[in-house]
Amino acid sequence: MRVNTLAAPVVLALSLLAATPTLAQTPAATLPPAAPIRPLLKLGLVVGNEHAISSYHGISVPVFVGLEQQLTPGWTLTLNGTSSWHLGRRDFSNLGYRSPLVTQLSFDAGIRHYYHQARRQERGYRTGPYQGPYVGLQTRTIFSPIPSSNNQLRYDYSTISLLWGTQRRLGGHGLLDAYLSGGLANPRVYGVENTYQHRLGISLEAGVKLSLIRP
């Protein structure tokens, strides 16, 4: 009777050891791969120093098309094209031409870093790949109409700027992007006999973009 009592723990231990390799060979459960972050497509209006609503040619509406793609968590690439469309075109009869339909055309590309994402999530603020405060670096090239011509554009100037701003969703299809930027530019400076040259200067801008996005 005593022998059987001592043998029981030994039999139990041997059974557990025999089952251990079988358990070790059981494949671990794998998590499904995370869904890729889709690019953010934007279509909307922009108001800023470099995209003025009112100019020498009259009132215009700056419309932009943009794309923003996440590179790594917190970092995105931005591409934008903006055209200012003239409203109520003016006739300059003394100069022999009519104000252009497109008063400005520009293209920009940049990199953004959305910061404090973890802190914002802890405080209950909205977070995501394209939301929140950001800093960035952006370059832009601007074209403007040639005086006394019909809808012909020429190179105007370029800028390279540091940005600070914030971007947030408005409902399911809206987006607000407000920003400040400062950097360098090479504006055109006119001289005698209608000649001009480009000189290095300072570029400062405050802007707001309101756009529709793909949800």
N, C-alpha and C. Protein backbone atom coordinates (compact mmCIF):
# COMPACT_ATOMS: atom_id res chain seq x y z
N MET A 1 0.83 -1.20 0.00
CA MET A 1 0.00 0.00 0.00
C MET A 1 0.87 1.25 0.00
N ARG A 2 1.98 1.22 0.79
CA ARG A 2 2.89 2.35 0.85
C ARG A 2 3.65 2.54 -0.45
N VAL A 3 4.00 1.43 -1.13
CA VAL A 3 4.70 1.49 -2.41
C VAL A 3 3.86 2.19 -3.45
N ASN A 4 2.59 1.86 -3.49
CA ASN A 4 1.69 2.50 -4.45
C ASN A 4 1.58 4.00 -4.19
N THR A 5 1.58 4.38 -2.91
CA THR A 5 1.47 5.80 -2.55
C THR A 5 2.68 6.59 -3.03
N LEU A 6 3.89 6.01 -2.92
CA LEU A 6 5.10 6.69 -3.36
C LEU A 6 5.22 6.71 -4.88
N ALA A 7 4.68 5.71 -5.53
CA ALA A 7 4.81 5.62 -6.98
C ALA A 7 3.91 6.61 -7.70
N ALA A 8 2.82 7.02 -7.08
CA ALA A 8 1.86 7.89 -7.76
C ALA A 8 2.48 9.22 -8.19
N PRO A 9 3.24 9.93 -7.31
CA PRO A 9 3.85 11.19 -7.76
C PRO A 9 4.85 10.99 -8.89
N VAL A 10 5.59 9.84 -8.85
CA VAL A 10 6.59 9.58 -9.90
C VAL A 10 5.90 9.39 -11.24
N VAL A 11 4.81 8.66 -11.25
CA VAL A 11 4.06 8.44 -12.50
C VAL A 11 3.51 9.75 -13.03
N LEU A 12 3.02 10.61 -12.14
CA LEU A 12 2.48 11.91 -12.56
C LEU A 12 3.57 12.78 -13.16
N ALA A 13 4.78 12.80 -12.55
CA ALA A 13 5.88 13.62 -13.06
C ALA A 13 6.32 13.13 -14.42
N LEU A 14 6.42 11.78 -14.59
CA LEU A 14 6.82 11.24 -15.88
C LEU A 14 5.80 11.56 -16.97
N SER A 15 4.54 11.59 -16.62
CA SER A 15 3.49 11.93 -17.59
C SER A 15 3.61 13.38 -18.05
N LEU A 16 3.92 14.29 -17.11
CA LEU A 16 4.08 15.70 -17.47
C LEU A 16 5.29 15.92 -18.36
N LEU A 17 6.41 15.21 -18.04
CA LEU A 17 7.60 15.35 -18.87
C LEU A 17 7.37 14.82 -20.27
N ALA A 18 6.62 13.77 -20.38
CA ALA A 18 6.33 13.22 -21.71
C ALA A 18 5.45 14.15 -22.53
N ALA A 19 4.58 14.92 -21.87
CA ALA A 19 3.68 15.82 -22.59
C ALA A 19 4.35 17.13 -22.95
N THR A 20 5.46 17.48 -22.28
CA THR A 20 6.10 18.77 -22.50
C THR A 20 6.58 18.98 -23.92
N PRO A 21 7.28 18.04 -24.59
CA PRO A 21 7.70 18.26 -25.97
C PRO A 21 6.53 18.51 -26.91
N THR A 22 5.44 17.81 -26.66
CA THR A 22 4.27 17.99 -27.51
C THR A 22 3.74 19.40 -27.40
N LEU A 23 3.72 19.96 -26.15
CA LEU A 23 3.25 21.32 -25.95
C LEU A 23 4.21 22.32 -26.57
N ALA A 24 5.51 22.06 -26.50
CA ALA A 24 6.49 22.99 -27.04
C ALA A 24 6.41 23.07 -28.55
N GLN A 25 5.98 21.96 -29.20
CA GLN A 25 5.90 21.95 -30.64
C GLN A 25 4.63 22.57 -31.18
N THR A 26 3.71 22.94 -30.28
CA THR A 26 2.47 23.57 -30.73
C THR A 26 2.77 24.96 -31.25
N PRO A 27 2.45 25.30 -32.49
CA PRO A 27 2.78 26.62 -33.04
C PRO A 27 2.04 27.73 -32.29
N ALA A 28 2.75 28.83 -32.06
CA ALA A 28 2.15 29.98 -31.37
C ALA A 28 1.15 30.68 -32.29
N ALA A 29 0.15 31.26 -31.69
CA ALA A 29 -0.86 31.99 -32.48
C ALA A 29 -0.23 33.24 -33.08
N THR A 30 -0.48 33.50 -34.36
CA THR A 30 0.08 34.65 -35.06
C THR A 30 -0.99 35.73 -35.22
N LEU A 31 -0.58 36.98 -35.04
CA LEU A 31 -1.50 38.09 -35.20
C LEU A 31 -1.60 38.48 -36.66
N PRO A 32 -2.76 38.87 -37.12
CA PRO A 32 -2.88 39.31 -38.52
C PRO A 32 -2.08 40.57 -38.75
N PRO A 33 -1.47 40.74 -39.93
CA PRO A 33 -0.68 41.96 -40.20
C PRO A 33 -1.56 43.20 -40.17
N ALA A 34 -0.97 44.30 -39.69
CA ALA A 34 -1.71 45.55 -39.60
C ALA A 34 -2.04 46.06 -41.00
N ALA A 35 -3.22 46.64 -41.14
CA ALA A 35 -3.64 47.17 -42.44
C ALA A 35 -2.76 48.35 -42.82
N PRO A 36 -2.32 48.44 -44.08
CA PRO A 36 -1.47 49.57 -44.49
C PRO A 36 -2.24 50.89 -44.42
N ILE A 37 -1.53 51.96 -44.08
CA ILE A 37 -2.13 53.28 -43.99
C ILE A 37 -2.30 53.84 -45.40
N ARG A 38 -3.54 54.14 -45.76
CA ARG A 38 -3.80 54.67 -47.10
C ARG A 38 -3.38 56.13 -47.19
N PRO A 39 -2.98 56.59 -48.38
CA PRO A 39 -2.67 58.01 -48.53
C PRO A 39 -3.90 58.87 -48.34
N LEU A 40 -3.69 60.06 -47.83
CA LEU A 40 -4.78 61.01 -47.59
C LEU A 40 -4.88 61.94 -48.79
N LEU A 41 -5.99 61.89 -49.51
CA LEU A 41 -6.22 62.74 -50.67
C LEU A 41 -7.06 63.94 -50.26
N LYS A 42 -6.66 65.16 -50.69
CA LYS A 42 -7.31 66.38 -50.26
C LYS A 42 -7.71 67.22 -51.47
N LEU A 43 -8.84 67.89 -51.34
CA LEU A 43 -9.30 68.85 -52.34
C LEU A 43 -10.00 69.98 -51.59
N GLY A 44 -9.49 71.22 -51.74
CA GLY A 44 -10.11 72.29 -50.97
C GLY A 44 -9.58 73.67 -51.31
N LEU A 45 -9.76 74.58 -50.35
CA LEU A 45 -9.38 75.98 -50.50
C LEU A 45 -8.27 76.32 -49.51
N VAL A 46 -7.40 77.25 -49.92
CA VAL A 46 -6.31 77.68 -49.05
C VAL A 46 -6.26 79.20 -49.06
N VAL A 47 -6.03 79.77 -47.88
CA VAL A 47 -5.85 81.22 -47.74
C VAL A 47 -4.54 81.44 -47.00
N GLY A 48 -3.66 82.22 -47.61
CA GLY A 48 -2.37 82.50 -46.99
C GLY A 48 -1.67 83.64 -47.70
N ASN A 49 -0.52 84.04 -47.14
CA ASN A 49 0.23 85.15 -47.72
C ASN A 49 0.61 84.89 -49.17
N GLU A 50 1.01 83.67 -49.46
CA GLU A 50 1.49 83.33 -50.80
C GLU A 50 0.35 82.88 -51.71
N HIS A 51 -0.86 82.85 -51.20
CA HIS A 51 -2.04 82.51 -52.02
C HIS A 51 -3.13 83.52 -51.70
N ALA A 52 -2.90 84.75 -52.07
CA ALA A 52 -3.81 85.83 -51.71
C ALA A 52 -5.12 85.73 -52.48
N ILE A 53 -6.21 86.14 -51.85
CA ILE A 53 -7.51 86.17 -52.50
C ILE A 53 -7.64 87.40 -53.38
N SER A 54 -7.09 88.51 -52.94
CA SER A 54 -7.18 89.76 -53.69
C SER A 54 -5.79 90.17 -54.17
N SER A 55 -5.70 90.59 -55.44
CA SER A 55 -4.43 91.01 -56.00
C SER A 55 -4.67 92.09 -57.06
N TYR A 56 -3.62 92.44 -57.78
CA TYR A 56 -3.71 93.44 -58.83
C TYR A 56 -4.73 93.03 -59.90
N HIS A 57 -4.85 91.73 -60.14
CA HIS A 57 -5.75 91.24 -61.17
C HIS A 57 -7.20 91.16 -60.70
N GLY A 58 -7.47 91.33 -59.41
CA GLY A 58 -8.83 91.26 -58.89
C GLY A 58 -8.97 90.15 -57.86
N ILE A 59 -10.19 89.65 -57.73
CA ILE A 59 -10.48 88.60 -56.75
C ILE A 59 -10.25 87.24 -57.39
N SER A 60 -9.57 86.36 -56.65
CA SER A 60 -9.32 85.01 -57.13
C SER A 60 -9.56 84.01 -56.00
N VAL A 61 -9.78 82.75 -56.37
CA VAL A 61 -10.04 81.68 -55.41
C VAL A 61 -8.91 80.64 -55.52
N PRO A 62 -8.06 80.49 -54.48
CA PRO A 62 -6.99 79.49 -54.52
C PRO A 62 -7.54 78.09 -54.20
N VAL A 63 -7.44 77.19 -55.14
CA VAL A 63 -7.90 75.81 -54.99
C VAL A 63 -6.69 74.89 -55.01
N PHE A 64 -6.64 73.94 -54.10
CA PHE A 64 -5.49 73.05 -54.07
C PHE A 64 -5.93 71.58 -54.09
N VAL A 65 -5.05 70.76 -54.63
CA VAL A 65 -5.18 69.30 -54.60
C VAL A 65 -3.94 68.76 -53.91
N GLY A 66 -4.13 67.91 -52.92
CA GLY A 66 -2.99 67.44 -52.15
C GLY A 66 -3.01 65.95 -51.88
N LEU A 67 -1.85 65.45 -51.53
CA LEU A 67 -1.69 64.05 -51.15
C LEU A 67 -0.73 64.00 -49.97
N GLU A 68 -1.08 63.23 -48.96
CA GLU A 68 -0.21 63.02 -47.80
C GLU A 68 -0.10 61.53 -47.53
N GLN A 69 1.13 61.04 -47.43
CA GLN A 69 1.37 59.61 -47.26
C GLN A 69 2.25 59.38 -46.04
N GLN A 70 1.81 58.46 -45.17
CA GLN A 70 2.62 58.13 -44.00
C GLN A 70 3.83 57.32 -44.44
N LEU A 71 5.02 57.75 -43.97
CA LEU A 71 6.26 57.02 -44.24
C LEU A 71 6.56 56.04 -43.12
N THR A 72 6.59 56.52 -41.91
CA THR A 72 6.70 55.72 -40.69
C THR A 72 5.76 56.34 -39.68
N PRO A 73 5.44 55.66 -38.58
CA PRO A 73 4.54 56.27 -37.58
C PRO A 73 5.03 57.65 -37.14
N GLY A 74 4.18 58.67 -37.37
CA GLY A 74 4.51 60.03 -36.98
C GLY A 74 5.15 60.86 -38.07
N TRP A 75 5.58 60.24 -39.19
CA TRP A 75 6.25 60.96 -40.26
C TRP A 75 5.47 60.78 -41.56
N THR A 76 5.25 61.90 -42.29
CA THR A 76 4.50 61.82 -43.54
C THR A 76 5.19 62.64 -44.62
N LEU A 77 4.87 62.30 -45.87
CA LEU A 77 5.31 63.04 -47.06
C LEU A 77 4.10 63.77 -47.62
N THR A 78 4.26 65.06 -47.97
CA THR A 78 3.15 65.85 -48.51
C THR A 78 3.50 66.37 -49.90
N LEU A 79 2.50 66.36 -50.79
CA LEU A 79 2.61 66.91 -52.15
C LEU A 79 1.35 67.71 -52.42
N ASN A 80 1.50 68.95 -52.91
CA ASN A 80 0.34 69.81 -53.16
C ASN A 80 0.53 70.60 -54.45
N GLY A 81 -0.58 70.83 -55.13
CA GLY A 81 -0.61 71.74 -56.27
C GLY A 81 -1.74 72.72 -56.07
N THR A 82 -1.47 74.02 -56.24
CA THR A 82 -2.46 75.07 -55.98
C THR A 82 -2.57 75.99 -57.19
N SER A 83 -3.80 76.31 -57.57
CA SER A 83 -4.04 77.26 -58.66
C SER A 83 -5.07 78.28 -58.18
N SER A 84 -4.81 79.55 -58.46
CA SER A 84 -5.72 80.63 -58.09
C SER A 84 -6.54 81.03 -59.31
N TRP A 85 -7.87 80.87 -59.22
CA TRP A 85 -8.77 81.11 -60.35
C TRP A 85 -9.45 82.46 -60.19
N HIS A 86 -9.37 83.25 -61.25
CA HIS A 86 -9.84 84.62 -61.22
C HIS A 86 -11.36 84.68 -61.32
N LEU A 87 -11.96 85.56 -60.52
CA LEU A 87 -13.40 85.82 -60.58
C LEU A 87 -13.63 87.22 -61.13
N GLY A 88 -14.53 87.36 -62.10
CA GLY A 88 -14.81 88.68 -62.66
C GLY A 88 -13.60 89.27 -63.34
N ARG A 89 -13.13 88.65 -64.40
CA ARG A 89 -11.89 89.06 -65.06
C ARG A 89 -11.97 90.52 -65.53
N ARG A 90 -10.90 91.25 -65.31
CA ARG A 90 -10.83 92.67 -65.65
C ARG A 90 -10.18 92.88 -67.01
N ASP A 91 -10.65 93.90 -67.72
CA ASP A 91 -10.07 94.27 -69.00
C ASP A 91 -9.16 95.49 -68.82
N PHE A 92 -7.93 95.35 -69.26
CA PHE A 92 -6.97 96.46 -69.23
C PHE A 92 -6.83 96.97 -70.66
N SER A 93 -7.81 97.76 -71.08
CA SER A 93 -7.86 98.22 -72.47
C SER A 93 -6.66 99.08 -72.83
N ASN A 94 -6.17 99.84 -71.87
CA ASN A 94 -5.02 100.70 -72.16
C ASN A 94 -3.75 99.89 -72.39
N LEU A 95 -3.71 98.66 -71.84
CA LEU A 95 -2.55 97.80 -72.05
C LEU A 95 -2.80 96.77 -73.14
N GLY A 96 -4.04 96.66 -73.59
CA GLY A 96 -4.35 95.76 -74.67
C GLY A 96 -4.44 94.30 -74.28
N TYR A 97 -4.81 94.00 -73.02
CA TYR A 97 -4.99 92.59 -72.65
C TYR A 97 -6.01 92.47 -71.53
N ARG A 98 -6.46 91.26 -71.34
CA ARG A 98 -7.45 90.94 -70.31
C ARG A 98 -6.77 90.17 -69.19
N SER A 99 -7.23 90.39 -67.96
CA SER A 99 -6.61 89.70 -66.83
C SER A 99 -6.71 88.19 -67.01
N PRO A 100 -5.70 87.44 -66.59
CA PRO A 100 -5.66 85.99 -66.84
C PRO A 100 -6.69 85.23 -66.01
N LEU A 101 -7.06 84.05 -66.52
CA LEU A 101 -7.99 83.19 -65.79
C LEU A 101 -7.32 82.59 -64.55
N VAL A 102 -6.10 82.15 -64.71
CA VAL A 102 -5.31 81.60 -63.59
C VAL A 102 -4.29 82.66 -63.19
N THR A 103 -4.40 83.19 -61.98
CA THR A 103 -3.52 84.27 -61.54
C THR A 103 -2.28 83.77 -60.82
N GLN A 104 -2.25 82.49 -60.47
CA GLN A 104 -1.07 81.94 -59.80
C GLN A 104 -1.13 80.42 -59.85
N LEU A 105 0.04 79.80 -59.94
CA LEU A 105 0.14 78.34 -59.93
C LEU A 105 1.36 77.98 -59.09
N SER A 106 1.20 77.03 -58.17
CA SER A 106 2.33 76.65 -57.33
C SER A 106 2.31 75.16 -57.04
N PHE A 107 3.50 74.63 -56.75
CA PHE A 107 3.68 73.23 -56.38
C PHE A 107 4.59 73.18 -55.16
N ASP A 108 4.25 72.32 -54.21
CA ASP A 108 5.11 72.19 -53.03
C ASP A 108 5.21 70.73 -52.61
N ALA A 109 6.31 70.44 -51.94
CA ALA A 109 6.56 69.10 -51.40
C ALA A 109 7.25 69.27 -50.06
N GLY A 110 6.96 68.36 -49.12
CA GLY A 110 7.56 68.49 -47.81
C GLY A 110 7.45 67.23 -46.98
N ILE A 111 8.05 67.29 -45.81
CA ILE A 111 8.03 66.20 -44.83
C ILE A 111 7.50 66.77 -43.52
N ARG A 112 6.59 66.03 -42.89
CA ARG A 112 6.02 66.44 -41.61
C ARG A 112 6.30 65.40 -40.53
N HIS A 113 6.40 65.90 -39.30
CA HIS A 113 6.48 65.02 -38.13
C HIS A 113 5.39 65.41 -37.15
N TYR A 114 4.45 64.51 -36.91
CA TYR A 114 3.38 64.72 -35.93
C TYR A 114 3.90 64.28 -34.56
N TYR A 115 3.97 65.23 -33.63
CA TYR A 115 4.59 64.95 -32.35
C TYR A 115 3.54 64.87 -31.23
N HIS A 116 3.97 64.38 -30.06
CA HIS A 116 3.14 64.25 -28.85
C HIS A 116 1.92 63.36 -29.10
N GLN A 117 2.04 62.37 -29.96
CA GLN A 117 0.89 61.51 -30.22
C GLN A 117 0.51 60.68 -28.99
N ALA A 118 1.50 60.10 -28.31
CA ALA A 118 1.20 59.29 -27.12
C ALA A 118 0.60 60.15 -26.02
N ARG A 119 1.13 61.35 -25.81
CA ARG A 119 0.60 62.23 -24.77
C ARG A 119 -0.84 62.65 -25.09
N ARG A 120 -1.10 62.95 -26.36
CA ARG A 120 -2.45 63.34 -26.74
C ARG A 120 -3.44 62.19 -26.53
N GLN A 121 -2.99 60.96 -26.80
CA GLN A 121 -3.86 59.81 -26.60
C GLN A 121 -4.17 59.61 -25.13
N GLU A 122 -3.17 59.82 -24.26
CA GLU A 122 -3.38 59.70 -22.82
C GLU A 122 -4.39 60.72 -22.31
N ARG A 123 -4.40 61.91 -22.92
CA ARG A 123 -5.30 62.98 -22.49
C ARG A 123 -6.66 62.92 -23.17
N GLY A 124 -6.86 61.93 -24.02
CA GLY A 124 -8.16 61.75 -24.66
C GLY A 124 -8.38 62.56 -25.92
N TYR A 125 -7.29 63.17 -26.47
CA TYR A 125 -7.41 63.92 -27.71
C TYR A 125 -7.40 62.97 -28.90
N ARG A 126 -7.89 63.47 -30.03
CA ARG A 126 -7.87 62.67 -31.24
C ARG A 126 -6.44 62.47 -31.73
N THR A 127 -6.11 61.25 -32.09
CA THR A 127 -4.80 60.94 -32.64
C THR A 127 -4.99 60.09 -33.89
N GLY A 128 -3.95 60.01 -34.68
CA GLY A 128 -4.01 59.23 -35.91
C GLY A 128 -2.84 59.57 -36.78
N PRO A 129 -2.70 58.88 -37.92
CA PRO A 129 -1.54 59.11 -38.78
C PRO A 129 -1.49 60.50 -39.40
N TYR A 130 -2.63 61.20 -39.49
CA TYR A 130 -2.65 62.51 -40.14
C TYR A 130 -3.33 63.57 -39.26
N GLN A 131 -3.23 63.43 -37.94
CA GLN A 131 -3.90 64.36 -37.04
C GLN A 131 -2.96 64.84 -35.95
N GLY A 132 -3.20 66.09 -35.51
CA GLY A 132 -2.46 66.62 -34.39
C GLY A 132 -1.45 67.69 -34.79
N PRO A 133 -0.69 68.20 -33.81
CA PRO A 133 0.33 69.22 -34.11
C PRO A 133 1.51 68.60 -34.85
N TYR A 134 2.14 69.42 -35.68
CA TYR A 134 3.27 68.91 -36.46
C TYR A 134 4.30 70.00 -36.70
N VAL A 135 5.50 69.57 -37.02
CA VAL A 135 6.55 70.43 -37.55
C VAL A 135 6.98 69.84 -38.88
N GLY A 136 7.51 70.68 -39.77
CA GLY A 136 7.86 70.15 -41.07
C GLY A 136 8.83 71.02 -41.82
N LEU A 137 9.29 70.50 -42.94
CA LEU A 137 10.16 71.20 -43.88
C LEU A 137 9.50 71.13 -45.25
N GLN A 138 9.40 72.28 -45.93
CA GLN A 138 8.66 72.33 -47.19
C GLN A 138 9.36 73.23 -48.19
N THR A 139 9.33 72.83 -49.45
CA THR A 139 9.82 73.67 -50.54
C THR A 139 8.67 73.91 -51.52
N ARG A 140 8.61 75.14 -52.07
CA ARG A 140 7.51 75.52 -52.95
C ARG A 140 8.05 76.33 -54.13
N THR A 141 7.47 76.10 -55.31
CA THR A 141 7.79 76.86 -56.51
C THR A 141 6.52 77.50 -57.03
N ILE A 142 6.58 78.82 -57.32
CA ILE A 142 5.39 79.59 -57.68
C ILE A 142 5.58 80.20 -59.07
N PHE A 143 4.50 80.12 -59.86
CA PHE A 143 4.46 80.71 -61.19
C PHE A 143 3.36 81.78 -61.21
N SER A 144 3.57 82.83 -61.98
CA SER A 144 2.59 83.92 -62.07
C SER A 144 2.43 84.34 -63.52
N PRO A 145 1.34 85.08 -63.85
CA PRO A 145 1.08 85.48 -65.24
C PRO A 145 2.14 86.46 -65.76
N ILE A 146 2.37 86.39 -67.05
CA ILE A 146 3.24 87.35 -67.72
C ILE A 146 2.40 88.57 -68.08
N PRO A 147 2.81 89.78 -67.71
CA PRO A 147 2.02 90.98 -68.07
C PRO A 147 1.84 91.09 -69.58
N SER A 148 0.67 91.59 -69.97
CA SER A 148 0.33 91.81 -71.38
C SER A 148 0.36 90.51 -72.18
N SER A 149 -0.04 89.41 -71.58
CA SER A 149 -0.11 88.14 -72.31
C SER A 149 -1.42 87.45 -71.96
N ASN A 150 -1.77 86.46 -72.73
CA ASN A 150 -3.01 85.73 -72.52
C ASN A 150 -2.73 84.37 -71.90
N ASN A 151 -2.98 84.28 -70.58
CA ASN A 151 -2.89 83.02 -69.86
C ASN A 151 -1.52 82.34 -69.99
N GLN A 152 -0.45 83.11 -70.05
CA GLN A 152 0.89 82.55 -70.05
C GLN A 152 1.52 82.78 -68.68
N LEU A 153 2.13 81.73 -68.14
CA LEU A 153 2.74 81.81 -66.82
C LEU A 153 4.25 81.72 -66.92
N ARG A 154 4.93 82.34 -65.97
CA ARG A 154 6.38 82.27 -65.91
C ARG A 154 6.80 81.96 -64.48
N TYR A 155 8.03 81.49 -64.36
CA TYR A 155 8.57 81.23 -63.02
C TYR A 155 8.64 82.53 -62.23
N ASP A 156 8.10 82.51 -61.02
CA ASP A 156 8.08 83.70 -60.17
C ASP A 156 9.18 83.61 -59.11
N TYR A 157 9.04 82.68 -58.17
CA TYR A 157 10.07 82.51 -57.16
C TYR A 157 9.87 81.17 -56.45
N SER A 158 10.83 80.81 -55.59
CA SER A 158 10.78 79.56 -54.82
C SER A 158 11.02 79.88 -53.34
N THR A 159 10.56 78.98 -52.48
CA THR A 159 10.78 79.12 -51.04
C THR A 159 11.18 77.78 -50.46
N ILE A 160 11.91 77.82 -49.36
CA ILE A 160 12.15 76.65 -48.52
C ILE A 160 11.92 77.09 -47.09
N SER A 161 11.01 76.40 -46.39
CA SER A 161 10.51 76.91 -45.11
C SER A 161 10.37 75.80 -44.08
N LEU A 162 10.47 76.20 -42.82
CA LEU A 162 10.10 75.36 -41.69
C LEU A 162 8.65 75.67 -41.34
N LEU A 163 7.89 74.63 -41.01
CA LEU A 163 6.47 74.80 -40.70
C LEU A 163 6.18 74.35 -39.29
N TRP A 164 5.22 75.01 -38.69
CA TRP A 164 4.59 74.54 -37.46
C TRP A 164 3.09 74.72 -37.65
N GLY A 165 2.34 73.65 -37.37
CA GLY A 165 0.90 73.73 -37.58
C GLY A 165 0.17 72.63 -36.87
N THR A 166 -1.11 72.55 -37.13
CA THR A 166 -1.94 71.49 -36.58
C THR A 166 -2.99 71.11 -37.61
N GLN A 167 -3.28 69.82 -37.67
CA GLN A 167 -4.25 69.30 -38.63
C GLN A 167 -5.24 68.41 -37.89
N ARG A 168 -6.52 68.58 -38.20
CA ARG A 168 -7.53 67.78 -37.51
C ARG A 168 -8.71 67.52 -38.44
N ARG A 169 -9.40 66.43 -38.17
CA ARG A 169 -10.58 66.06 -38.95
C ARG A 169 -11.77 66.92 -38.55
N LEU A 170 -12.62 67.21 -39.53
CA LEU A 170 -13.89 67.88 -39.31
C LEU A 170 -14.99 66.94 -39.80
N GLY A 171 -15.56 66.18 -38.88
CA GLY A 171 -16.55 65.19 -39.28
C GLY A 171 -15.89 64.03 -40.02
N GLY A 172 -16.65 63.43 -40.93
CA GLY A 172 -16.13 62.27 -41.64
C GLY A 172 -15.40 62.62 -42.93
N HIS A 173 -15.67 63.78 -43.51
CA HIS A 173 -15.11 64.12 -44.81
C HIS A 173 -14.36 65.45 -44.84
N GLY A 174 -14.25 66.14 -43.70
CA GLY A 174 -13.60 67.45 -43.68
C GLY A 174 -12.24 67.41 -43.00
N LEU A 175 -11.41 68.39 -43.34
CA LEU A 175 -10.07 68.48 -42.76
C LEU A 175 -9.69 69.95 -42.63
N LEU A 176 -9.14 70.32 -41.47
CA LEU A 176 -8.63 71.67 -41.22
C LEU A 176 -7.14 71.58 -40.99
N ASP A 177 -6.39 72.42 -41.70
CA ASP A 177 -4.94 72.49 -41.56
C ASP A 177 -4.55 73.95 -41.41
N ALA A 178 -4.10 74.35 -40.23
CA ALA A 178 -3.66 75.73 -39.96
C ALA A 178 -2.17 75.71 -39.66
N TYR A 179 -1.42 76.65 -40.25
CA TYR A 179 0.03 76.57 -40.13
C TYR A 179 0.68 77.95 -40.18
N LEU A 180 1.91 77.99 -39.66
CA LEU A 180 2.82 79.14 -39.77
C LEU A 180 4.11 78.62 -40.37
N SER A 181 4.74 79.44 -41.21
CA SER A 181 6.00 79.01 -41.82
C SER A 181 6.95 80.18 -41.94
N GLY A 182 8.22 79.87 -41.92
CA GLY A 182 9.26 80.88 -42.10
C GLY A 182 10.48 80.26 -42.74
N GLY A 183 11.09 81.00 -43.67
CA GLY A 183 12.26 80.46 -44.34
C GLY A 183 12.86 81.44 -45.31
N LEU A 184 13.42 80.92 -46.40
CA LEU A 184 14.11 81.72 -47.39
C LEU A 184 13.34 81.70 -48.71
N ALA A 185 13.45 82.78 -49.46
CA ALA A 185 12.82 82.90 -50.77
C ALA A 185 13.73 83.70 -51.68
N ASN A 186 13.48 83.59 -52.99
CA ASN A 186 14.24 84.39 -53.97
C ASN A 186 13.28 85.21 -54.82
N PRO A 187 12.61 86.21 -54.23
CA PRO A 187 11.61 86.99 -54.97
C PRO A 187 12.25 87.78 -56.10
N ARG A 188 11.41 88.13 -57.08
CA ARG A 188 11.85 88.91 -58.23
C ARG A 188 11.88 90.39 -57.85
N VAL A 189 12.99 91.06 -58.14
CA VAL A 189 13.16 92.48 -57.86
C VAL A 189 13.35 93.19 -59.19
N TYR A 190 12.48 94.17 -59.44
CA TYR A 190 12.53 94.89 -60.72
C TYR A 190 13.54 96.03 -60.67
N GLY A 191 14.15 96.27 -61.85
CA GLY A 191 15.08 97.36 -61.99
C GLY A 191 14.63 98.32 -63.07
N VAL A 192 15.54 98.99 -63.69
CA VAL A 192 15.21 99.95 -64.74
C VAL A 192 14.86 99.22 -66.03
N GLU A 193 14.05 99.89 -66.86
CA GLU A 193 13.64 99.38 -68.16
C GLU A 193 13.00 97.99 -68.06
N ASN A 194 12.22 97.80 -67.01
CA ASN A 194 11.44 96.58 -66.82
C ASN A 194 12.30 95.31 -66.73
N THR A 195 13.54 95.46 -66.31
CA THR A 195 14.39 94.30 -66.07
C THR A 195 14.24 93.86 -64.62
N TYR A 196 14.59 92.63 -64.33
CA TYR A 196 14.46 92.13 -62.97
C TYR A 196 15.52 91.07 -62.71
N GLN A 197 15.71 90.82 -61.43
CA GLN A 197 16.60 89.75 -61.01
C GLN A 197 16.08 89.18 -59.69
N HIS A 198 16.54 87.99 -59.37
CA HIS A 198 16.10 87.33 -58.12
C HIS A 198 17.12 87.59 -57.02
N ARG A 199 16.61 87.95 -55.85
CA ARG A 199 17.46 88.19 -54.69
C ARG A 199 16.96 87.36 -53.51
N LEU A 200 17.90 86.91 -52.71
CA LEU A 200 17.55 86.10 -51.55
C LEU A 200 16.87 86.95 -50.49
N GLY A 201 15.76 86.45 -49.96
CA GLY A 201 15.02 87.19 -48.95
C GLY A 201 14.37 86.25 -47.95
N ILE A 202 13.56 86.82 -47.08
CA ILE A 202 12.87 86.07 -46.03
C ILE A 202 11.43 85.79 -46.46
N SER A 203 10.97 84.60 -46.20
CA SER A 203 9.58 84.21 -46.50
C SER A 203 8.86 83.89 -45.20
N LEU A 204 7.76 84.58 -44.93
CA LEU A 204 6.92 84.33 -43.77
C LEU A 204 5.48 84.13 -44.24
N GLU A 205 4.80 83.14 -43.69
CA GLU A 205 3.44 82.87 -44.13
C GLU A 205 2.59 82.33 -42.98
N ALA A 206 1.34 82.75 -42.96
CA ALA A 206 0.32 82.16 -42.10
C ALA A 206 -0.80 81.71 -43.02
N GLY A 207 -1.23 80.47 -42.89
CA GLY A 207 -2.21 79.94 -43.82
C GLY A 207 -3.20 79.00 -43.17
N VAL A 208 -4.35 78.83 -43.84
CA VAL A 208 -5.38 77.91 -43.42
C VAL A 208 -5.87 77.15 -44.65
N LYS A 209 -5.99 75.84 -44.52
CA LYS A 209 -6.52 75.02 -45.59
C LYS A 209 -7.76 74.30 -45.09
N LEU A 210 -8.83 74.40 -45.87
CA LEU A 210 -10.07 73.66 -45.60
C LEU A 210 -10.29 72.72 -46.79
N SER A 211 -10.43 71.46 -46.52
CA SER A 211 -10.51 70.51 -47.65
C SER A 211 -11.46 69.36 -47.35
N LEU A 212 -11.89 68.74 -48.44
CA LEU A 212 -12.62 67.48 -48.38
C LEU A 212 -11.62 66.36 -48.58
N ILE A 213 -11.83 65.26 -47.87
CA ILE A 213 -10.90 64.14 -47.94
C ILE A 213 -11.66 62.85 -48.16
N ARG A 214 -10.93 61.86 -48.62
CA ARG A 214 -11.51 60.52 -48.75
C ARG A 214 -11.49 59.87 -47.38
N PRO A 215 -12.64 59.40 -46.87
CA PRO A 215 -12.67 58.84 -45.51
C PRO A 215 -11.87 57.55 -45.40
